[in-house]
C-alpha atoms as a PDB file:
ATOM      1  CA  MET A   1     -91.118  55.983  17.951  1.00  0.00           C
ATOM      2  CA  SER A   2     -91.976  59.290  19.647  1.00  0.00           C
ATOM      3  CA  LEU A   3     -90.286  62.582  18.884  1.00  0.00           C
ATOM      4  CA  SER A   4     -88.935  62.650  22.436  1.00  0.00           C
ATOM      5  CA  SER A   5     -87.310  59.238  21.913  1.00  0.00           C
ATOM      6  CA  LEU A   6     -85.727  60.356  18.652  1.00  0.00           C
ATOM      7  CA  SER A   7     -84.482  63.469  20.382  1.00  0.00           C
ATOM      8  CA  SER A   8     -83.004  61.360  23.176  1.00  0.00           C
ATOM      9  CA  LEU A   9     -81.206  59.079  20.676  1.00  0.00           C
ATOM     10  CA  SER A  10     -79.861  62.074  18.809  1.00  0.00           C
ATOM     11  CA  ASP A  11     -78.597  63.631  22.024  1.00  0.00           C
ATOM     12  CA  GLY A  12     -76.940  60.341  22.969  1.00  0.00           C
ATOM     13  CA  GLU A  13     -75.145  60.061  19.612  1.00  0.00           C
ATOM     14  CA  THR A  14     -74.008  63.660  19.890  1.00  0.00           C
ATOM     15  CA  THR A  15     -72.732  63.037  23.414  1.00  0.00           C
ATOM     16  CA  SER A  16     -70.894  59.890  22.248  1.00  0.00           C
ATOM     17  CA  ARG A  17     -69.191  61.770  19.414  1.00  0.00           C
ATOM     18  CA  SER A  18     -68.413  64.650  21.749  1.00  0.00           C
ATOM     19  CA  SER A  19     -66.960  62.390  24.431  1.00  0.00           C
ATOM     20  CA  ARG A  20     -64.793  60.655  21.808  1.00  0.00           C
ATOM     21  CA  LYS A  21     -63.478  64.017  20.662  1.00  0.00           C
ATOM     22  CA  ASN A  22     -62.743  65.025  24.236  1.00  0.00           C
ATOM     23  CA  GLU A  23     -60.839  61.829  25.035  1.00  0.00           C
ATOM     24  CA  GLU A  24     -57.108  62.302  25.307  1.00  0.00           C
ATOM     25  CA  LYS A  25     -55.083  60.670  22.560  1.00  0.00           C
ATOM     26  CA  LEU A  26     -52.807  57.872  23.662  1.00  0.00           C
ATOM     27  CA  ASP A  27     -49.272  59.118  24.335  1.00  0.00           C
ATOM     28  CA  ALA A  28     -47.483  55.811  24.012  1.00  0.00           C
ATOM     29  CA  PHE A  29     -44.062  57.372  24.556  1.00  0.00           C
ATOM     30  CA  GLU A  30     -45.151  58.586  27.984  1.00  0.00           C
ATOM     31  CA  LYS A  31     -47.409  55.709  28.999  1.00  0.00           C
ATOM     32  CA  TYR A  32     -45.094  52.777  28.275  1.00  0.00           C
ATOM     33  CA  ASP A  33     -41.527  52.087  29.349  1.00  0.00           C
ATOM     34  CA  ASP A  34     -39.060  50.833  26.747  1.00  0.00           C
ATOM     35  CA  ASN A  35     -39.881  47.134  27.152  1.00  0.00           C
ATOM     36  CA  GLN A  36     -43.645  47.706  27.199  1.00  0.00           C
ATOM     37  CA  PHE A  37     -43.376  49.890  24.112  1.00  0.00           C
ATOM     38  CA  LEU A  38     -41.312  47.277  22.263  1.00  0.00           C
ATOM     39  CA  SER A  39     -43.792  44.569  23.229  1.00  0.00           C
ATOM     40  CA  ARG A  40     -46.781  46.584  21.963  1.00  0.00           C
ATOM     41  CA  PHE A  41     -45.330  48.161  18.836  1.00  0.00           C
ATOM     42  CA  ARG A  42     -42.535  45.638  18.052  1.00  0.00           C
ATOM     43  CA  ILE A  43     -39.922  48.312  17.457  1.00  0.00           C
ATOM     44  CA  SER A  44     -38.240  50.727  19.852  1.00  0.00           C
ATOM     45  CA  LYS A  45     -39.102  54.349  20.546  1.00  0.00           C
ATOM     46  CA  ASP A  46     -35.855  55.463  18.890  1.00  0.00           C
ATOM     47  CA  THR A  47     -36.740  53.527  15.748  1.00  0.00           C
ATOM     48  CA  VAL A  48     -40.170  55.166  15.630  1.00  0.00           C
ATOM     49  CA  LEU A  49     -38.435  58.555  15.773  1.00  0.00           C
ATOM     50  CA  TYR A  50     -36.125  57.367  13.003  1.00  0.00           C
ATOM     51  CA  LEU A  51     -39.120  56.439  10.839  1.00  0.00           C
ATOM     52  CA  GLU A  52     -40.640  59.835  11.530  1.00  0.00           C
ATOM     53  CA  SER A  53     -37.442  61.475  10.306  1.00  0.00           C
ATOM     54  CA  LEU A  54     -37.554  59.418   7.093  1.00  0.00           C
ATOM     55  CA  PHE A  55     -41.100  60.147   5.934  1.00  0.00           C
ATOM     56  CA  GLY A  56     -42.847  62.233   8.591  1.00  0.00           C
ATOM     57  CA  LYS A  57     -43.228  65.226   6.300  1.00  0.00           C
ATOM     58  CA  GLU A  58     -44.761  63.019   3.628  1.00  0.00           C
ATOM     59  CA  ILE A  59     -47.645  61.944   5.887  1.00  0.00           C
ATOM     60  CA  ALA A  60     -48.051  65.174   7.876  1.00  0.00           C
ATOM     61  CA  PRO A  61     -51.651  66.480   7.955  1.00  0.00           C
ATOM     62  CA  LEU A  62     -52.484  69.323   5.601  1.00  0.00           C
ATOM     63  CA  THR A  63     -54.705  70.917   8.228  1.00  0.00           C
ATOM     64  CA  LYS A  64     -53.481  72.585  11.410  1.00  0.00           C
ATOM     65  CA  ARG A  65     -56.520  71.532  13.417  1.00  0.00           C
ATOM     66  CA  ASN A  66     -55.784  70.633  17.009  1.00  0.00           C
ATOM     67  CA  ARG A  67     -57.170  67.095  16.626  1.00  0.00           C
ATOM     68  CA  ALA A  68     -55.280  66.281  13.412  1.00  0.00           C
ATOM     69  CA  LEU A  69     -53.173  63.128  13.685  1.00  0.00           C
ATOM     70  CA  GLN A  70     -49.492  63.975  13.655  1.00  0.00           C
ATOM     71  CA  PRO A  71     -46.970  61.766  11.829  1.00  0.00           C
ATOM     72  CA  ARG A  72     -45.819  59.996  14.984  1.00  0.00           C
ATOM     73  CA  ASP A  73     -49.404  59.104  15.936  1.00  0.00           C
ATOM     74  CA  GLN A  74     -50.028  57.787  12.436  1.00  0.00           C
ATOM     75  CA  ILE A  75     -46.902  55.628  12.569  1.00  0.00           C
ATOM     76  CA  LEU A  76     -47.957  54.195  15.933  1.00  0.00           C
ATOM     77  CA  ILE A  77     -51.429  53.342  14.636  1.00  0.00           C
ATOM     78  CA  ALA A  78     -49.933  51.457  11.688  1.00  0.00           C
ATOM     79  CA  LEU A  79     -47.413  49.697  13.927  1.00  0.00           C
ATOM     80  CA  ARG A  80     -50.178  48.631  16.286  1.00  0.00           C
ATOM     81  CA  PHE A  81     -51.994  47.115  13.322  1.00  0.00           C
ATOM     82  CA  TYR A  82     -48.876  45.212  12.225  1.00  0.00           C
ATOM     83  CA  ALA A  83     -48.130  44.235  15.831  1.00  0.00           C
ATOM     84  CA  THR A  84     -51.522  42.792  16.707  1.00  0.00           C
ATOM     85  CA  GLY A  85     -53.292  41.894  13.502  1.00  0.00           C
ATOM     86  CA  SER A  86     -56.391  43.041  15.373  1.00  0.00           C
ATOM     87  CA  TYR A  87     -59.460  44.522  13.778  1.00  0.00           C
ATOM     88  CA  GLN A  88     -59.083  48.146  12.809  1.00  0.00           C
ATOM     89  CA  LYS A  89     -62.099  49.092  14.918  1.00  0.00           C
ATOM     90  CA  VAL A  90     -60.290  47.859  18.044  1.00  0.00           C
ATOM     91  CA  ILE A  91     -57.236  49.924  17.164  1.00  0.00           C
ATOM     92  CA  GLY A  92     -59.514  52.904  16.626  1.00  0.00           C
ATOM     93  CA  ASP A  93     -60.857  52.440  20.127  1.00  0.00           C
ATOM     94  CA  ILE A  94     -57.317  52.332  21.546  1.00  0.00           C
ATOM     95  CA  PHE A  95     -56.220  55.511  19.806  1.00  0.00           C
ATOM     96  CA  HIS A  96     -59.622  57.243  20.067  1.00  0.00           C
ATOM     97  CA  VAL A  97     -60.066  57.663  16.332  1.00  0.00           C
ATOM     98  CA  GLU A  98     -62.740  56.325  14.027  1.00  0.00           C
ATOM     99  CA  GLN A  99     -62.317  53.062  12.104  1.00  0.00           C
ATOM    100  CA  ALA A 100     -62.395  54.902   8.779  1.00  0.00           C
ATOM    101  CA  THR A 101     -59.541  57.115   9.959  1.00  0.00           C
ATOM    102  CA  VAL A 102     -57.524  54.094  11.061  1.00  0.00           C
ATOM    103  CA  HIS A 103     -58.062  52.504   7.636  1.00  0.00           C
ATOM    104  CA  ARG A 104     -56.758  55.591   5.863  1.00  0.00           C
ATOM    105  CA  VAL A 105     -53.823  55.987   8.234  1.00  0.00           C
ATOM    106  CA  VAL A 106     -52.704  52.351   8.025  1.00  0.00           C
ATOM    107  CA  HIS A 107     -52.621  52.392   4.241  1.00  0.00           C
ATOM    108  CA  LYS A 108     -51.004  55.832   4.019  1.00  0.00           C
ATOM    109  CA  VAL A 109     -48.211  54.860   6.421  1.00  0.00           C
ATOM    110  CA  THR A 110     -47.883  51.450   4.744  1.00  0.00           C
ATOM    111  CA  ALA A 111     -47.357  53.103   1.355  1.00  0.00           C
ATOM    112  CA  ALA A 112     -44.704  55.420   2.823  1.00  0.00           C
ATOM    113  CA  ILE A 113     -42.797  52.528   4.423  1.00  0.00           C
ATOM    114  CA  ALA A 114     -43.082  50.273   1.359  1.00  0.00           C
ATOM    115  CA  LYS A 115     -41.539  53.040  -0.767  1.00  0.00           C
ATOM    116  CA  LEU A 116     -38.391  52.659   1.346  1.00  0.00           C
ATOM    117  CA  SER A 117     -37.882  49.103   0.101  1.00  0.00           C
ATOM    118  CA  CYS A 118     -35.416  50.182  -2.593  1.00  0.00           C
ATOM    119  CA  ASN A 119     -33.152  51.490   0.180  1.00  0.00           C
ATOM    120  CA  PHE A 120     -33.612  48.759   2.772  1.00  0.00           C
ATOM    121  CA  ILE A 121     -34.292  45.573   0.768  1.00  0.00           C
ATOM    122  CA  LYS A 122     -31.650  44.829  -1.834  1.00  0.00           C
ATOM    123  CA  MET A 123     -29.295  42.088  -2.885  1.00  0.00           C
ATOM    124  CA  PRO A 124     -25.681  42.459  -1.729  1.00  0.00           C
ATOM    125  CA  GLU A 125     -23.639  44.971  -3.682  1.00  0.00           C
ATOM    126  CA  SER A 126     -20.403  43.753  -5.308  1.00  0.00           C
ATOM    127  CA  GLN A 127     -18.207  44.883  -2.414  1.00  0.00           C
ATOM    128  CA  GLU A 128     -20.530  43.155   0.085  1.00  0.00           C
ATOM    129  CA  ARG A 129     -20.957  39.786  -1.596  1.00  0.00           C
ATOM    130  CA  LEU A 130     -17.789  38.128  -0.296  1.00  0.00           C
ATOM    131  CA  GLU A 131     -18.696  39.065   3.277  1.00  0.00           C
ATOM    132  CA  VAL A 132     -22.188  37.597   2.883  1.00  0.00           C
ATOM    133  CA  ALA A 133     -20.753  34.411   1.369  1.00  0.00           C
ATOM    134  CA  ASN A 134     -18.194  34.094   4.186  1.00  0.00           C
ATOM    135  CA  ASP A 135     -20.951  34.439   6.788  1.00  0.00           C
ATOM    136  CA  PHE A 136     -22.869  31.608   5.139  1.00  0.00           C
ATOM    137  CA  TYR A 137     -19.678  29.540   4.830  1.00  0.00           C
ATOM    138  CA  SER A 138     -19.153  29.765   8.589  1.00  0.00           C
ATOM    139  CA  ILE A 139     -22.422  27.861   9.156  1.00  0.00           C
ATOM    140  CA  ALA A 140     -21.518  24.551   7.514  1.00  0.00           C
ATOM    141  CA  GLY A 141     -18.660  25.086   5.059  1.00  0.00           C
ATOM    142  CA  PHE A 142     -20.885  25.653   2.030  1.00  0.00           C
ATOM    143  CA  PRO A 143     -19.182  28.058  -0.424  1.00  0.00           C
ATOM    144  CA  ARG A 144     -20.372  30.998  -2.555  1.00  0.00           C
ATOM    145  CA  ILE A 145     -23.853  31.463  -1.058  1.00  0.00           C
ATOM    146  CA  LEU A 146     -25.442  34.849  -1.688  1.00  0.00           C
ATOM    147  CA  GLY A 147     -28.816  34.046  -0.127  1.00  0.00           C
ATOM    148  CA  ALA A 148     -31.343  31.447   0.968  1.00  0.00           C
ATOM    149  CA  ILE A 149     -34.673  31.475  -0.885  1.00  0.00           C
ATOM    150  CA  ASP A 150     -38.109  30.129  -0.019  1.00  0.00           C
ATOM    151  CA  CYS A 151     -41.796  31.063  -0.004  1.00  0.00           C
ATOM    152  CA  THR A 152     -44.241  31.467   2.853  1.00  0.00           C
ATOM    153  CA  HIS A 153     -48.032  31.773   2.850  1.00  0.00           C
ATOM    154  CA  ILE A 154     -49.810  34.822   4.270  1.00  0.00           C
ATOM    155  CA  LYS A 155     -53.462  34.120   5.085  1.00  0.00           C
ATOM    156  CA  ILE A 156     -56.111  36.306   3.470  1.00  0.00           C
ATOM    157  CA  ASN A 157     -59.894  36.333   3.210  1.00  0.00           C
ATOM    158  CA  SER A 158     -61.408  34.979   0.025  1.00  0.00           C
ATOM    159  CA  PRO A 159     -61.153  37.824  -2.483  1.00  0.00           C
ATOM    160  CA  GLY A 160     -64.345  36.650  -4.186  1.00  0.00           C
ATOM    161  CA  GLY A 161     -64.935  36.679  -7.911  1.00  0.00           C
ATOM    162  CA  TYR A 162     -64.162  34.083 -10.545  1.00  0.00           C
ATOM    163  CA  GLN A 163     -60.431  33.991  -9.665  1.00  0.00           C
ATOM    164  CA  ALA A 164     -60.931  33.434  -5.936  1.00  0.00           C
ATOM    165  CA  GLU A 165     -59.910  29.767  -6.048  1.00  0.00           C
ATOM    166  CA  THR A 166     -56.486  30.656  -7.433  1.00  0.00           C
ATOM    167  CA  PHE A 167     -55.755  32.049  -3.957  1.00  0.00           C
ATOM    168  CA  ARG A 168     -56.549  28.732  -2.231  1.00  0.00           C
ATOM    169  CA  ASN A 169     -53.255  27.006  -1.455  1.00  0.00           C
ATOM    170  CA  ARG A 170     -52.452  23.314  -1.135  1.00  0.00           C
ATOM    171  CA  LYS A 171     -53.362  23.417   2.574  1.00  0.00           C
ATOM    172  CA  GLY A 172     -56.856  24.555   1.711  1.00  0.00           C
ATOM    173  CA  PHE A 173     -56.882  28.176   2.907  1.00  0.00           C
ATOM    174  CA  PHE A 174     -56.709  31.421   0.953  1.00  0.00           C
ATOM    175  CA  SER A 175     -53.310  33.096   0.881  1.00  0.00           C
ATOM    176  CA  LEU A 176     -50.644  35.010  -0.953  1.00  0.00           C
ATOM    177  CA  ASN A 177     -47.485  33.011  -1.616  1.00  0.00           C
ATOM    178  CA  VAL A 178     -44.606  35.324  -0.752  1.00  0.00           C
ATOM    179  CA  GLN A 179     -41.046  34.741  -1.973  1.00  0.00           C
ATOM    180  CA  ILE A 180     -38.198  35.977   0.216  1.00  0.00           C
ATOM    181  CA  VAL A 181     -34.412  35.785  -0.013  1.00  0.00           C
ATOM    182  CA  CYS A 182     -32.380  36.416   3.141  1.00  0.00           C
ATOM    183  CA  ASP A 183     -28.756  36.284   4.229  1.00  0.00           C
ATOM    184  CA  SER A 184     -27.299  34.351   7.164  1.00  0.00           C
ATOM    185  CA  LYS A 185     -28.057  37.232   9.560  1.00  0.00           C
ATOM    186  CA  LEU A 186     -31.785  37.135   8.646  1.00  0.00           C
ATOM    187  CA  CYS A 187     -31.632  40.369   6.672  1.00  0.00           C
ATOM    188  CA  ILE A 188     -34.237  40.310   3.888  1.00  0.00           C
ATOM    189  CA  ARG A 189     -32.523  40.774   0.535  1.00  0.00           C
ATOM    190  CA  ASN A 190     -35.437  40.316  -1.864  1.00  0.00           C
ATOM    191  CA  VAL A 191     -39.204  39.991  -1.571  1.00  0.00           C
ATOM    192  CA  VAL A 192     -41.976  39.226  -4.065  1.00  0.00           C
ATOM    193  CA  ALA A 193     -45.456  39.577  -2.531  1.00  0.00           C
ATOM    194  CA  ARG A 194     -48.093  39.433  -5.250  1.00  0.00           C
ATOM    195  CA  TRP A 195     -48.805  35.818  -6.185  1.00  0.00           C
ATOM    196  CA  PRO A 196     -51.960  33.824  -5.295  1.00  0.00           C
ATOM    197  CA  GLY A 197     -51.520  30.944  -2.864  1.00  0.00           C
ATOM    198  CA  SER A 198     -51.990  28.208  -5.477  1.00  0.00           C
ATOM    199  CA  VAL A 199     -48.922  29.306  -7.468  1.00  0.00           C
ATOM    200  CA  HIS A 200     -45.871  27.077  -7.039  1.00  0.00           C
ATOM    201  CA  ASP A 201     -42.652  28.467  -5.544  1.00  0.00           C
ATOM    202  CA  SER A 202     -40.647  27.703  -8.687  1.00  0.00           C
ATOM    203  CA  THR A 203     -43.141  29.587 -10.872  1.00  0.00           C
ATOM    204  CA  ILE A 204     -42.795  32.670  -8.698  1.00  0.00           C
ATOM    205  CA  PHE A 205     -39.012  32.543  -8.929  1.00  0.00           C
ATOM    206  CA  ASN A 206     -38.991  31.920 -12.689  1.00  0.00           C
ATOM    207  CA  ASP A 207     -41.087  35.045 -13.229  1.00  0.00           C
ATOM    208  CA  SER A 208     -39.094  37.237 -10.845  1.00  0.00           C
ATOM    209  CA  PRO A 209     -36.551  39.920 -11.792  1.00  0.00           C
ATOM    210  CA  LEU A 210     -34.083  38.154  -9.491  1.00  0.00           C
ATOM    211  CA  CYS A 211     -34.179  35.042 -11.687  1.00  0.00           C
ATOM    212  CA  ALA A 212     -33.463  37.169 -14.756  1.00  0.00           C
ATOM    213  CA  GLN A 213     -30.537  38.804 -12.969  1.00  0.00           C
ATOM    214  CA  PHE A 214     -28.979  35.440 -12.145  1.00  0.00           C
ATOM    215  CA  GLU A 215     -29.644  34.165 -15.673  1.00  0.00           C
ATOM    216  CA  ARG A 216     -27.739  37.045 -17.263  1.00  0.00           C
ATOM    217  CA  GLY A 217     -24.837  36.664 -14.831  1.00  0.00           C
ATOM    218  CA  ASP A 218     -25.305  39.681 -12.565  1.00  0.00           C
ATOM    219  CA  TYR A 219     -24.261  37.504  -9.614  1.00  0.00           C
ATOM    220  CA  ALA A 220     -21.699  35.310 -11.376  1.00  0.00           C
ATOM    221  CA  ASN A 221     -19.821  32.859  -9.135  1.00  0.00           C
ATOM    222  CA  TYR A 222     -22.471  33.088  -6.409  1.00  0.00           C
ATOM    223  CA  VAL A 223     -25.488  30.883  -5.735  1.00  0.00           C
ATOM    224  CA  LEU A 224     -28.823  30.774  -3.959  1.00  0.00           C
ATOM    225  CA  LEU A 225     -29.903  27.841  -1.821  1.00  0.00           C
ATOM    226  CA  GLY A 226     -33.436  26.518  -2.141  1.00  0.00           C
ATOM    227  CA  ASP A 227     -35.426  23.500  -1.005  1.00  0.00           C
ATOM    228  CA  SER A 228     -36.599  20.655  -3.203  1.00  0.00           C
ATOM    229  CA  GLY A 229     -39.534  22.708  -4.439  1.00  0.00           C
ATOM    230  CA  TYR A 230     -37.131  24.408  -6.835  1.00  0.00           C
ATOM    231  CA  PRO A 231     -35.406  22.803  -9.829  1.00  0.00           C
ATOM    232  CA  CYS A 232     -31.640  22.688  -9.456  1.00  0.00           C
ATOM    233  CA  ARG A 233     -29.751  25.227 -11.571  1.00  0.00           C
ATOM    234  CA  HIS A 234     -26.167  26.379 -11.782  1.00  0.00           C
ATOM    235  CA  TYR A 235     -27.067  29.387  -9.586  1.00  0.00           C
ATOM    236  CA  LEU A 236     -29.842  27.780  -7.478  1.00  0.00           C
ATOM    237  CA  LEU A 237     -28.660  24.724  -5.581  1.00  0.00           C
ATOM    238  CA  THR A 238     -31.125  22.276  -4.041  1.00  0.00           C
ATOM    239  CA  PRO A 239     -30.743  19.108  -1.938  1.00  0.00           C
ATOM    240  CA  LEU A 240     -30.196  15.758  -3.593  1.00  0.00           C
ATOM    241  CA  LEU A 241     -33.407  13.739  -3.411  1.00  0.00           C
ATOM    242  CA  ASN A 242     -31.551  10.421  -3.118  1.00  0.00           C
ATOM    243  CA  PRO A 243     -27.988  10.877  -1.826  1.00  0.00           C
ATOM    244  CA  ASN A 244     -25.936   7.737  -2.398  1.00  0.00           C
ATOM    245  CA  THR A 245     -22.405   8.591  -1.281  1.00  0.00           C
ATOM    246  CA  ILE A 246     -20.866   9.960   1.897  1.00  0.00           C
ATOM    247  CA  ALA A 247     -20.038  13.173   0.009  1.00  0.00           C
ATOM    248  CA  GLU A 248     -23.624  13.564  -1.172  1.00  0.00           C
ATOM    249  CA  VAL A 249     -24.941  13.056   2.349  1.00  0.00           C
ATOM    250  CA  ALA A 250     -22.459  15.658   3.636  1.00  0.00           C
ATOM    251  CA  TYR A 251     -23.558  18.070   0.913  1.00  0.00           C
ATOM    252  CA  ASN A 252     -27.220  17.645   1.863  1.00  0.00           C
ATOM    253  CA  ARG A 253     -26.497  18.270   5.530  1.00  0.00           C
ATOM    254  CA  ALA A 254     -24.518  21.420   4.760  1.00  0.00           C
ATOM    255  CA  GLN A 255     -27.130  22.623   2.283  1.00  0.00           C
ATOM    256  CA  ILE A 256     -29.985  22.196   4.753  1.00  0.00           C
ATOM    257  CA  SER A 257     -28.039  23.839   7.604  1.00  0.00           C
ATOM    258  CA  SER A 258     -27.002  26.757   5.416  1.00  0.00           C
ATOM    259  CA  ARG A 259     -30.573  27.193   4.200  1.00  0.00           C
ATOM    260  CA  ASN A 260     -31.917  27.294   7.757  1.00  0.00           C
ATOM    261  CA  PRO A 261     -31.796  31.133   8.052  1.00  0.00           C
ATOM    262  CA  ILE A 262     -34.748  31.515   5.680  1.00  0.00           C
ATOM    263  CA  GLU A 263     -36.845  29.155   7.801  1.00  0.00           C
ATOM    264  CA  ARG A 264     -35.849  31.053  10.929  1.00  0.00           C
ATOM    265  CA  LEU A 265     -36.626  34.362   9.231  1.00  0.00           C
ATOM    266  CA  PHE A 266     -40.226  33.391   8.522  1.00  0.00           C
ATOM    267  CA  GLY A 267     -40.735  32.645  12.206  1.00  0.00           C
ATOM    268  CA  VAL A 268     -39.093  35.864  13.361  1.00  0.00           C
ATOM    269  CA  LEU A 269     -40.957  38.002  10.815  1.00  0.00           C
ATOM    270  CA  LYS A 270     -44.362  36.569  11.680  1.00  0.00           C
ATOM    271  CA  ARG A 271     -43.654  36.752  15.403  1.00  0.00           C
ATOM    272  CA  ARG A 272     -42.613  40.380  15.195  1.00  0.00           C
ATOM    273  CA  PHE A 273     -45.627  41.283  13.045  1.00  0.00           C
ATOM    274  CA  PRO A 274     -48.459  38.862  13.941  1.00  0.00           C
ATOM    275  CA  CYS A 275     -50.721  40.305  11.248  1.00  0.00           C
ATOM    276  CA  LEU A 276     -48.621  38.152   8.881  1.00  0.00           C
ATOM    277  CA  HIS A 277     -49.260  35.063  10.995  1.00  0.00           C
ATOM    278  CA  ASN A 278     -52.904  35.598  11.904  1.00  0.00           C
ATOM    279  CA  GLY A 279     -53.932  36.739   8.443  1.00  0.00           C
ATOM    280  CA  LEU A 280     -54.928  39.994   6.792  1.00  0.00           C
ATOM    281  CA  GLY A 281     -58.615  40.755   6.395  1.00  0.00           C
ATOM    282  CA  VAL A 282     -58.177  43.845   4.228  1.00  0.00           C
ATOM    283  CA  ASN A 283     -58.804  44.073   0.495  1.00  0.00           C
ATOM    284  CA  VAL A 284     -56.379  41.788  -1.341  1.00  0.00           C
ATOM    285  CA  LYS A 285     -54.973  44.694  -3.383  1.00  0.00           C
ATOM    286  CA  ASN A 286     -53.808  46.343  -0.132  1.00  0.00           C
ATOM    287  CA  ILE A 287     -52.013  43.269   1.200  1.00  0.00           C
ATOM    288  CA  PRO A 288     -48.755  43.261  -0.860  1.00  0.00           C
ATOM    289  CA  PRO A 289     -47.737  46.758   0.377  1.00  0.00           C
ATOM    290  CA  ILE A 290     -48.371  45.659   3.988  1.00  0.00           C
ATOM    291  CA  ILE A 291     -46.124  42.614   3.529  1.00  0.00           C
ATOM    292  CA  VAL A 292     -43.372  44.719   1.954  1.00  0.00           C
ATOM    293  CA  ALA A 293     -43.714  47.342   4.704  1.00  0.00           C
ATOM    294  CA  CYS A 294     -43.286  44.665   7.363  1.00  0.00           C
ATOM    295  CA  ALA A 295     -40.181  43.396   5.538  1.00  0.00           C
ATOM    296  CA  VAL A 296     -38.727  46.917   5.464  1.00  0.00           C
ATOM    297  CA  LEU A 297     -39.462  47.382   9.170  1.00  0.00           C
ATOM    298  CA  HIS A 298     -37.853  44.030   9.939  1.00  0.00           C
ATOM    299  CA  ASN A 299     -34.621  45.095   8.250  1.00  0.00           C
ATOM    300  CA  ILE A 300     -34.651  48.492   9.945  1.00  0.00           C
ATOM    301  CA  ALA A 301     -35.273  46.874  13.334  1.00  0.00           C
ATOM    302  CA  LEU A 302     -32.505  44.345  12.659  1.00  0.00           C
ATOM    303  CA  SER A 303     -30.001  47.058  11.761  1.00  0.00           C
ATOM    304  CA  ARG A 304     -30.943  49.008  14.891  1.00  0.00           C
ATOM    305  CA  GLN A 305     -30.831  45.879  17.085  1.00  0.00           C
ATOM    306  CA  ASP A 306     -34.489  46.030  18.113  1.00  0.00           C
ATOM    307  CA  SER A 307     -34.806  42.423  19.230  1.00  0.00           C
ATOM    308  CA  ILE A 308     -38.205  41.136  20.306  1.00  0.00           C
ATOM    309  CA  ILE A 309     -38.365  39.582  23.759  1.00  0.00           C
ATOM    310  CA  ASP A 310     -39.781  36.228  22.610  1.00  0.00           C
ATOM    311  CA  GLU A 311     -37.498  35.877  19.586  1.00  0.00           C
ATOM    312  CA  GLU A 312     -35.593  32.850  20.901  1.00  0.00           C
ATOM    313  CA  GLU A 313     -38.769  30.804  21.166  1.00  0.00           C
ATOM    314  CA  THR A 314     -39.624  31.881  17.619  1.00  0.00           C
ATOM    315  CA  LEU A 315     -36.356  30.556  16.230  1.00  0.00           C
ATOM    316  CA  ILE A 316     -37.074  27.121  17.655  1.00  0.00           C
ATOM    317  CA  ASN A 317     -40.616  26.837  16.289  1.00  0.00           C
ATOM    318  CA  SER A 318     -40.375  28.421  12.871  1.00  0.00           C
ATOM    319  CA  VAL A 319     -39.767  25.558  10.411  1.00  0.00           C
ATOM    320  CA  GLU A 320     -41.874  25.853   7.246  1.00  0.00           C
ATOM    321  CA  GLU A 321     -43.248  22.883   5.351  1.00  0.00           C
ATOM    322  CA  ILE A 322     -41.078  21.988   2.354  1.00  0.00           C
ATOM    323  CA  GLN A 323     -42.594  21.406  -1.064  1.00  0.00           C
ATOM    324  CA  THR A 324     -40.879  18.536  -2.854  1.00  0.00           C
ATOM    325  CA  ASN A 325     -40.370  18.659  -6.583  1.00  0.00           C
ATOM    326  CA  GLU A 326     -40.047  15.049  -7.671  1.00  0.00           C
ATOM    327  CA  THR A 327     -39.464  15.793 -11.356  1.00  0.00           C
ATOM    328  CA  VAL A 328     -35.677  16.040 -11.420  1.00  0.00           C
ATOM    329  CA  HIS A 329     -33.615  15.167 -14.476  1.00  0.00           C
ATOM    330  CA  GLU A 330     -29.995  14.369 -13.623  1.00  0.00           C
ATOM    331  CA  GLY A 331     -27.257  14.815 -16.200  1.00  0.00           C
ATOM    332  CA  ASN A 332     -28.440  18.304 -17.063  1.00  0.00           C
ATOM    333  CA  GLN A 333     -25.885  21.131 -17.217  1.00  0.00           C
ATOM    334  CA  ASN A 334     -27.796  22.761 -14.347  1.00  0.00           C
ATOM    335  CA  PHE A 335     -26.309  20.102 -12.065  1.00  0.00           C
ATOM    336  CA  ILE A 336     -22.674  20.750 -12.996  1.00  0.00           C
ATOM    337  CA  VAL A 337     -22.108  23.357 -10.258  1.00  0.00           C
ATOM    338  CA  ARG A 338     -23.750  21.192  -7.626  1.00  0.00           C
ATOM    339  CA  SER A 339     -21.639  18.178  -8.620  1.00  0.00           C
ATOM    340  CA  SER A 340     -18.488  20.301  -8.597  1.00  0.00           C
ATOM    341  CA  ILE A 341     -19.195  21.595  -5.099  1.00  0.00           C
ATOM    342  CA  ILE A 342     -19.864  18.061  -3.857  1.00  0.00           C
ATOM    343  CA  ASN A 343     -16.572  16.842  -5.306  1.00  0.00           C
ATOM    344  CA  THR A 344     -14.420  19.772  -4.178  1.00  0.00           C
ATOM    345  CA  HIS A 345     -15.911  20.605  -0.760  1.00  0.00           C
ATOM    346  CA  PHE A 346     -17.600  17.464   0.574  1.00  0.00           C
ATOM    347  CA  THR A 347     -15.434  14.584  -0.657  1.00  0.00           C
ATOM    348  CA  PHE A 348     -13.077  13.462   2.053  1.00  0.00           C
END
């Protein structure tokens, strides 16, 4: 290649970098009306300002350069990633920043949001538990419910290495199996987002701090509802595999109806943040914080009534496949609470 050609290429690269620098940054607050903004970023403008007030100083640039990304811009870049699940290079093109910058911004903002989980994702406090149980009771007359529990799979790329196959789930794709507990209003109360896709739901629960809390009686007189993938316990009630009486059939119907919020939640969560539905192509170690951040944002959006336009369709098409645990041993003390509820609430 001639020196003149090299010079021409160099000039072209310089011009490209220069033109990128001279491009105006996207001002989403000005460009989009409220509905367009909500559709693109999945939360409202007011909620973005609220997030900025919570951790804006934490992510503010150390430099005062004119082109430095301000906290609000960083939040919008991360939200666009959660909202589209698109490649980071595409997002970089939208916001006129380099892919490497987008990568850093997404993970910095994700870490800041995930740190808020202790404030926005928590099991009901003592004074709140009766209200949560009453809300569940209003669904189908099932008493003492503190939450509905289930797991959902988040697609990932193969992480490689000798443990890669542990991430392949029963459907044949690589994933993280994420445990979530929610209340009847679809508020996320607990999330565990670190287990490979091949791990069974019951194993995740058995190893969780929430299981230990129920075992030692922190939530005495209240129960969780789970599907047949979980073993029945005195604080975790599951459907009967073979109901024989009218009361048992009534119990199963009420249990399934009362457990429905967790199935609806998975649909709403993945619809609001399609990166959870389409899959996450980032390094597997960076995926759990993204999942937790999306859960935090869901709860914040819920509390601020940021409803997504297509939510109603989501609620109709959000049923998750149920794992069935066939190894059930009746007569165990774990079934005493379930039997008592059947006899006192569903025998007519």
